[in-house]
Protein backbone atom coordinates (compact mmCIF):
# COMPACT_ATOMS: atom_id res chain seq x y z
CA MET A 1 107.24 53.17 93.15
CA ARG A 2 109.46 52.26 96.07
CA LEU A 3 108.32 49.98 98.90
CA VAL A 4 110.20 49.84 102.20
CA ILE A 5 109.42 46.91 104.50
CA GLN A 6 110.47 47.80 108.01
CA ILE A 7 111.02 45.22 110.75
CA PRO A 8 111.38 46.41 114.38
CA CYS A 9 113.61 43.95 116.26
CA LEU A 10 114.64 43.28 119.83
CA ASN A 11 116.92 40.26 120.22
CA GLU A 12 115.55 38.53 117.12
CA ALA A 13 118.80 36.99 115.85
CA GLU A 14 117.21 33.53 115.97
CA ASN A 15 113.93 34.38 114.24
CA LEU A 16 114.96 37.12 111.81
CA PRO A 17 116.44 34.84 109.10
CA LEU A 18 113.10 33.05 108.68
CA THR A 19 111.21 36.35 108.47
CA LEU A 20 113.63 37.76 105.90
CA SER A 21 113.49 34.62 103.75
CA CYS A 22 109.70 34.93 103.45
CA LEU A 23 109.63 38.56 102.28
CA PRO A 24 108.80 39.19 98.61
CA LYS A 25 111.56 40.18 96.21
CA LYS A 26 109.26 41.76 93.63
CA MET A 27 105.59 42.70 93.28
CA ASP A 28 103.27 44.08 90.66
CA GLY A 29 103.06 47.87 90.81
CA ILE A 30 106.32 48.17 92.78
CA ASP A 31 109.61 49.11 91.09
CA GLU A 32 111.90 48.51 94.07
CA ILE A 33 111.63 46.76 97.44
CA LEU A 34 113.98 47.72 100.28
CA ILE A 35 114.25 45.91 103.62
CA LEU A 36 114.84 48.04 106.71
CA VAL A 37 115.67 46.52 110.10
CA ILE A 38 115.27 48.61 113.27
CA ASP A 39 117.48 47.06 115.96
CA ASP A 40 116.03 48.35 119.23
CA GLY A 41 119.11 47.91 121.41
CA SER A 42 119.48 44.16 120.85
CA THR A 43 122.24 42.32 122.69
CA ASP A 44 122.24 39.11 120.65
CA GLY A 45 123.78 40.39 117.42
CA THR A 46 120.53 41.03 115.57
CA SER A 47 122.14 43.70 113.37
CA GLN A 48 124.97 41.37 112.38
CA VAL A 49 122.51 38.61 111.49
CA ALA A 50 120.49 41.07 109.40
CA ARG A 51 123.60 42.18 107.54
CA GLN A 52 124.67 38.56 106.95
CA HIS A 53 121.31 37.89 105.34
CA GLY A 54 121.58 40.75 102.89
CA VAL A 55 119.86 43.61 104.70
CA GLN A 56 121.55 46.82 103.62
CA HIS A 57 119.50 49.30 105.61
CA ILE A 58 119.72 49.07 109.39
CA VAL A 59 118.83 51.55 112.11
CA ARG A 60 120.49 50.52 115.34
CA LEU A 61 119.30 52.14 118.56
CA LYS A 62 122.08 51.97 121.13
CA LYS A 63 119.60 51.45 123.96
CA ASN A 64 116.21 49.77 124.01
CA LYS A 65 113.61 52.52 123.55
CA GLY A 66 110.49 50.45 123.14
CA LEU A 67 108.30 49.40 120.24
CA ALA A 68 106.71 52.82 119.72
CA GLN A 69 109.98 54.73 119.35
CA GLY A 70 111.44 51.94 117.25
CA PHE A 71 108.47 52.21 114.90
CA MET A 72 108.94 55.97 114.56
CA ALA A 73 112.68 55.58 113.96
CA GLY A 74 111.79 53.17 111.19
CA LEU A 75 109.32 55.58 109.58
CA ASP A 76 111.91 58.35 109.64
CA ALA A 77 114.54 56.11 108.03
CA ALA A 78 112.09 54.77 105.45
CA LEU A 79 111.08 58.28 104.43
CA ARG A 80 114.74 59.22 104.00
CA LEU A 81 115.14 56.15 101.78
CA GLY A 82 112.50 57.60 99.49
CA ALA A 83 109.67 55.22 100.41
CA ASP A 84 106.39 55.74 98.60
CA ILE A 85 104.81 52.99 100.70
CA ILE A 86 105.98 51.66 104.06
CA VAL A 87 104.97 48.24 105.36
CA ASN A 88 105.53 47.33 108.98
CA THR A 89 105.81 43.67 109.95
CA ASP A 90 107.05 41.71 112.98
CA ALA A 91 110.40 39.98 113.25
CA ASP A 92 108.89 36.76 114.62
CA ASN A 93 107.26 35.96 111.26
CA GLN A 94 103.80 36.25 112.81
CA TYR A 95 102.30 37.58 109.57
CA ASN A 96 102.19 35.82 106.23
CA ALA A 97 104.47 37.86 103.98
CA ASP A 98 102.53 36.78 100.87
CA ASP A 99 99.75 39.12 102.03
CA ILE A 100 101.94 42.22 101.67
CA HIS A 101 100.67 42.59 98.11
CA ASN A 102 97.06 42.73 99.35
CA LEU A 103 98.07 45.11 102.14
CA ILE A 104 99.55 47.73 99.83
CA GLN A 105 97.03 47.38 96.98
CA PRO A 106 94.54 50.00 98.35
CA ILE A 107 97.40 52.52 98.53
CA ILE A 108 98.62 51.73 95.02
CA GLU A 109 95.06 52.18 93.74
CA GLY A 110 94.76 55.52 95.54
CA LYS A 111 91.93 54.29 97.78
CA ALA A 112 93.72 54.51 101.13
CA ASP A 113 96.49 56.25 103.05
CA PHE A 114 96.64 53.76 105.89
CA VAL A 115 95.92 50.01 105.71
CA VAL A 116 95.70 47.66 108.69
CA GLY A 117 95.88 43.89 108.34
CA ASP A 118 92.94 42.11 109.95
CA ARG A 119 94.10 38.82 111.49
CA ASN A 120 90.53 37.72 112.34
CA THR A 121 91.70 37.22 115.93
CA LYS A 122 88.65 35.13 116.88
CA ASN A 123 90.04 32.29 114.77
CA ILE A 124 93.67 32.42 115.93
CA GLU A 125 94.20 29.13 117.76
CA HIS A 126 97.02 30.17 120.11
CA PHE A 127 95.05 33.19 121.41
CA SER A 128 93.31 32.43 124.69
CA PHE A 129 89.59 33.13 125.10
CA PHE A 130 90.39 36.06 127.42
CA LYS A 131 92.88 37.54 124.95
CA LYS A 132 90.36 37.25 122.11
CA GLN A 133 87.78 39.13 124.17
CA LEU A 134 90.33 41.83 125.05
CA GLN A 135 91.20 42.23 121.36
CA THR A 136 87.54 42.52 120.41
CA ILE A 137 86.68 45.05 123.13
CA GLY A 138 89.86 47.06 122.60
CA SER A 139 89.33 47.29 118.84
CA TRP A 140 85.73 48.39 119.39
CA VAL A 141 86.87 51.19 121.71
CA VAL A 142 89.50 52.32 119.20
CA ARG A 143 86.85 52.43 116.47
CA GLN A 144 84.65 54.66 118.60
CA VAL A 145 87.52 56.98 119.54
CA SER A 146 89.06 57.20 116.06
CA ASN A 147 85.90 57.12 113.92
CA THR A 148 87.43 54.37 111.81
CA ASN A 149 86.29 50.85 111.00
CA VAL A 150 89.37 48.81 111.93
CA PRO A 151 88.42 45.39 113.38
CA ASP A 152 91.95 44.48 114.53
CA ALA A 153 93.44 47.61 116.07
CA THR A 154 96.46 45.85 117.63
CA SER A 155 97.68 44.33 114.39
CA GLY A 156 101.25 45.41 113.66
CA PHE A 157 100.95 44.34 110.02
CA ARG A 158 100.10 47.60 108.29
CA ALA A 159 100.96 49.79 105.33
CA LEU A 160 101.26 53.58 105.16
CA SER A 161 101.55 55.90 102.21
CA ARG A 162 104.35 58.46 102.31
CA GLU A 163 101.87 61.21 103.17
CA ALA A 164 100.42 59.20 106.06
CA ALA A 165 103.88 58.41 107.42
CA LEU A 166 104.84 62.09 107.34
CA GLN A 167 101.84 62.89 109.58
CA MET A 168 102.45 60.26 112.25
CA ASN A 169 103.72 61.55 115.61
CA VAL A 170 103.72 58.75 118.19
CA VAL A 171 104.17 59.97 121.76
CA SER A 172 103.29 56.74 123.58
CA GLN A 173 106.09 54.74 125.21
CA PHE A 174 103.99 51.54 125.03
CA THR A 175 103.00 50.74 121.45
CA TYR A 176 102.28 52.50 118.18
CA THR A 177 99.35 50.31 117.07
CA LEU A 178 96.49 52.07 118.85
CA GLU A 179 97.87 55.59 118.70
CA THR A 180 98.56 55.62 114.96
CA ILE A 181 95.00 54.49 114.15
CA ILE A 182 93.51 57.18 116.40
CA GLN A 183 95.80 59.80 114.86
CA ALA A 184 94.93 58.66 111.34
CA GLY A 185 91.23 58.90 112.12
CA LYS A 186 91.51 62.34 113.71
CA LYS A 187 93.58 63.61 110.78
CA ASN A 188 90.96 62.39 108.30
CA LEU A 189 93.29 59.97 106.55
CA ALA A 190 91.66 57.23 104.49
CA VAL A 191 91.95 54.16 106.74
CA VAL A 192 90.94 50.71 105.51
CA ASN A 193 91.56 47.13 106.56
CA VAL A 194 92.24 43.96 104.57
CA PRO A 195 92.20 40.34 105.76
CA VAL A 196 95.62 38.81 106.35
CA ARG A 197 96.89 35.42 107.40
CA THR A 198 99.13 34.55 110.32
CA ASN A 199 101.83 31.93 110.68
CA LYS A 200 102.47 29.45 113.45
CA LYS A 201 103.51 31.01 116.76
CA ILE A 202 107.25 30.67 117.43
CA ARG A 203 107.65 32.72 120.60
CA GLU A 204 105.67 34.49 123.32
CA SER A 205 104.75 38.17 123.04
CA ARG A 206 107.32 40.55 124.54
CA LEU A 207 105.12 43.62 124.52
CA PHE A 208 103.46 43.02 127.88
CA SER A 209 104.04 40.74 130.88
CA SER A 210 100.37 39.99 131.60
CA ASN A 211 96.86 40.64 130.32
CA TRP A 212 96.31 43.16 133.11
CA SER A 213 99.44 45.07 132.07
CA TYR A 214 98.20 45.10 128.48
CA VAL A 215 94.74 46.40 129.48
CA LYS A 216 96.18 49.07 131.78
CA ASN A 217 98.64 50.42 129.22
CA SER A 218 96.14 50.25 126.35
CA VAL A 219 93.46 52.15 128.27
CA ALA A 220 95.99 54.79 129.33
CA THR A 221 97.19 55.18 125.73
CA MET A 222 93.68 55.57 124.32
CA ALA A 223 92.65 58.05 127.02
CA ARG A 224 95.78 60.13 126.48
CA ILE A 225 95.46 60.27 122.70
CA TYR A 226 91.72 60.98 122.78
CA THR A 227 92.35 63.81 125.25
CA MET A 228 95.04 65.21 122.95
CA TYR A 229 92.71 65.34 119.94
CA GLU A 230 89.36 65.94 121.66
CA PRO A 231 90.23 67.83 124.88
CA LEU A 232 87.00 69.81 125.09
CA LYS A 233 84.86 66.69 124.74
CA MET A 234 86.93 64.74 127.27
CA PHE A 235 86.92 67.46 129.92
CA SER A 236 83.26 68.26 129.24
CA TYR A 237 82.25 64.65 129.85
CA VAL A 238 84.14 64.51 133.15
CA GLY A 239 82.98 67.96 134.21
CA ALA A 240 79.36 67.16 133.32
CA VAL A 241 79.39 64.02 135.47
CA ILE A 242 80.77 65.86 138.50
CA PHE A 243 78.50 68.87 137.96
CA GLY A 244 75.54 66.48 137.62
CA LEU A 245 76.35 64.87 140.95
CA GLY A 246 76.35 68.31 142.53
CA PHE A 247 73.02 69.11 140.87
CA LEU A 248 71.48 65.92 142.26
CA LEU A 249 72.73 66.70 145.76
CA CYS A 250 71.31 70.20 145.41
CA GLY A 251 67.97 68.68 144.45
CA ARG A 252 68.17 66.40 147.49
CA PHE A 253 68.70 69.38 149.75
CA LEU A 254 65.78 71.27 148.21
CA TYR A 255 63.51 68.24 148.60
CA PHE A 256 64.21 67.90 152.29
CA TYR A 257 64.16 71.66 152.74
CA LEU A 258 60.65 71.85 151.32
CA THR A 259 59.32 68.71 153.02
CA SER A 260 61.06 68.95 156.42
CA ARG A 261 60.56 72.61 157.23
CA GLY A 262 64.12 73.46 156.13
CA THR A 263 65.91 71.70 158.96
CA GLY A 264 69.07 69.57 158.55
CA HIS A 265 70.76 68.13 155.44
CA ILE A 266 73.05 71.14 155.15
CA GLN A 267 75.84 68.70 154.23
CA SER A 268 74.05 68.00 150.94
CA LEU A 269 74.14 71.69 150.08
CA ILE A 270 77.86 71.93 150.88
CA LEU A 271 78.72 68.85 148.83
CA ALA A 272 76.51 70.12 146.00
CA ALA A 273 78.38 73.41 145.92
CA VAL A 274 81.76 71.64 145.91
CA PHE A 275 80.82 69.26 143.10
CA MET A 276 79.27 71.98 140.94
CA ILE A 277 82.26 74.30 141.37
CA VAL A 278 84.72 71.49 140.56
CA GLY A 279 82.64 70.43 137.52
CA PHE A 280 82.60 73.99 136.20
CA GLN A 281 86.36 74.33 136.72
CA ILE A 282 86.98 71.12 134.78
CA PHE A 283 84.90 72.51 131.91
CA ILE A 284 87.04 75.68 131.94
CA LEU A 285 90.15 73.48 131.85
CA GLY A 286 88.65 71.79 128.80
CA LEU A 287 88.32 75.16 127.05
CA MET A 288 91.95 75.96 127.84
CA ALA A 289 93.07 72.51 126.65
CA ASP A 290 91.12 73.00 123.43
CA ILE A 291 92.97 76.28 122.79
CA ILE A 292 96.28 74.52 123.48
CA GLY A 293 95.15 71.74 121.12
CA SER A 294 94.70 74.30 118.35
CA ASN A 295 98.30 75.38 118.85
CA ARG A 296 99.39 71.73 118.77
CA LYS A 297 97.70 71.31 115.38
CA LEU A 298 99.62 74.28 114.05
CA LEU A 299 102.88 72.82 115.39
CA GLU A 300 102.08 69.44 113.85
CA ASN A 301 101.49 71.14 110.51
CA ILE A 302 104.87 72.87 110.78
CA LEU A 303 106.50 69.55 111.77
CA TYR A 304 104.87 67.86 108.78
CA HIS A 305 106.41 70.37 106.37
CA LEU A 306 109.80 70.16 108.09
CA ARG A 307 109.81 66.37 107.91
CA LYS A 308 108.70 66.49 104.30
CA SER A 309 111.61 68.79 103.49
CA GLU A 310 114.19 66.95 105.58
CA THR A 311 113.26 63.47 104.34
CA LYS A 312 113.27 64.39 100.67
CA TYR A 313 115.00 61.48 99.00
CA VAL A 314 118.38 62.12 97.43
CA PRO A 315 119.58 59.20 95.25
CA GLU A 316 122.88 57.66 96.30
CA THR A 317 125.85 58.41 94.12
CA LYS A 318 127.24 55.57 92.08
CA GLY A 319 129.19 53.15 94.22
CA GLU A 320 128.03 54.62 97.47
CA LYS A 321 127.30 51.94 100.04
CA SER A 322 124.18 51.81 102.12
CA LYS A 323 124.71 53.11 105.59
CA GLU A 324 123.91 51.66 108.97
CA ARG A 325 122.60 54.42 111.22
CA SER A 326 123.04 54.42 114.98
CA ARG A 327 121.09 56.43 117.49
């Protein structure tokens, strides 16, 4: 069984050597461990540092494309390397590499397709009180949307089976963490979580500039993905609220019509008609989106089979050197 540990990097030349030195060289149940570095347009020589420290598999993006696209580029490369299991970890050595064995164990045992490391964020010392609350609330929302039981949805320390990786299609430009869990839940993959340890903080997060930016982007990502997979529900909820407002205004008009001899309050009737028409139209849009969603599922199924065919591992010929891919 082949394990590929992928490390998305952006200007991590200083921190990458420490992360690489902590990664396991062998594990029970694994025949081969490969290290894959995804250099997301770094300008500090991250790729060169990776190569100097023995990394043979590097995907170098010529321009910074963001964490989400870097993650997907890594999955694609890992699949082409013949990965049976893919582990994603951060380049700043945030996660304790000794826990990789625990992370992949449910997949080895055939109990899971997708495993997320639970950092127990409430006990992380360098997380502020506000950040801990955001993590808790955000993870709760993701659990409701995805029908999973992941307590730490933003954890980047995760493992995917080959089948799970083939089915991931991240469209967000922000981050892959929330979207992949929602997708896994909606595609009925077996998603579990295991406790993992974290190391001492060595740099600030580069994913977002402020807590408000994080909240805004996370909410937008969850709303977009939920709408993609449950369009009828999403549009029905919105349409029902607007239609309900119209119904209440209609009731207001009828009340005054019956108790005030039918004079005045015509504005309530007009607003009621507008709200009820708009609510009904939104429901119709939901039906149309649901039909489009059915087509999307068919396209995703076709894409799954294409990726499965295209990423079929072909062993390197004797003496062939590992390649560094650029995009």
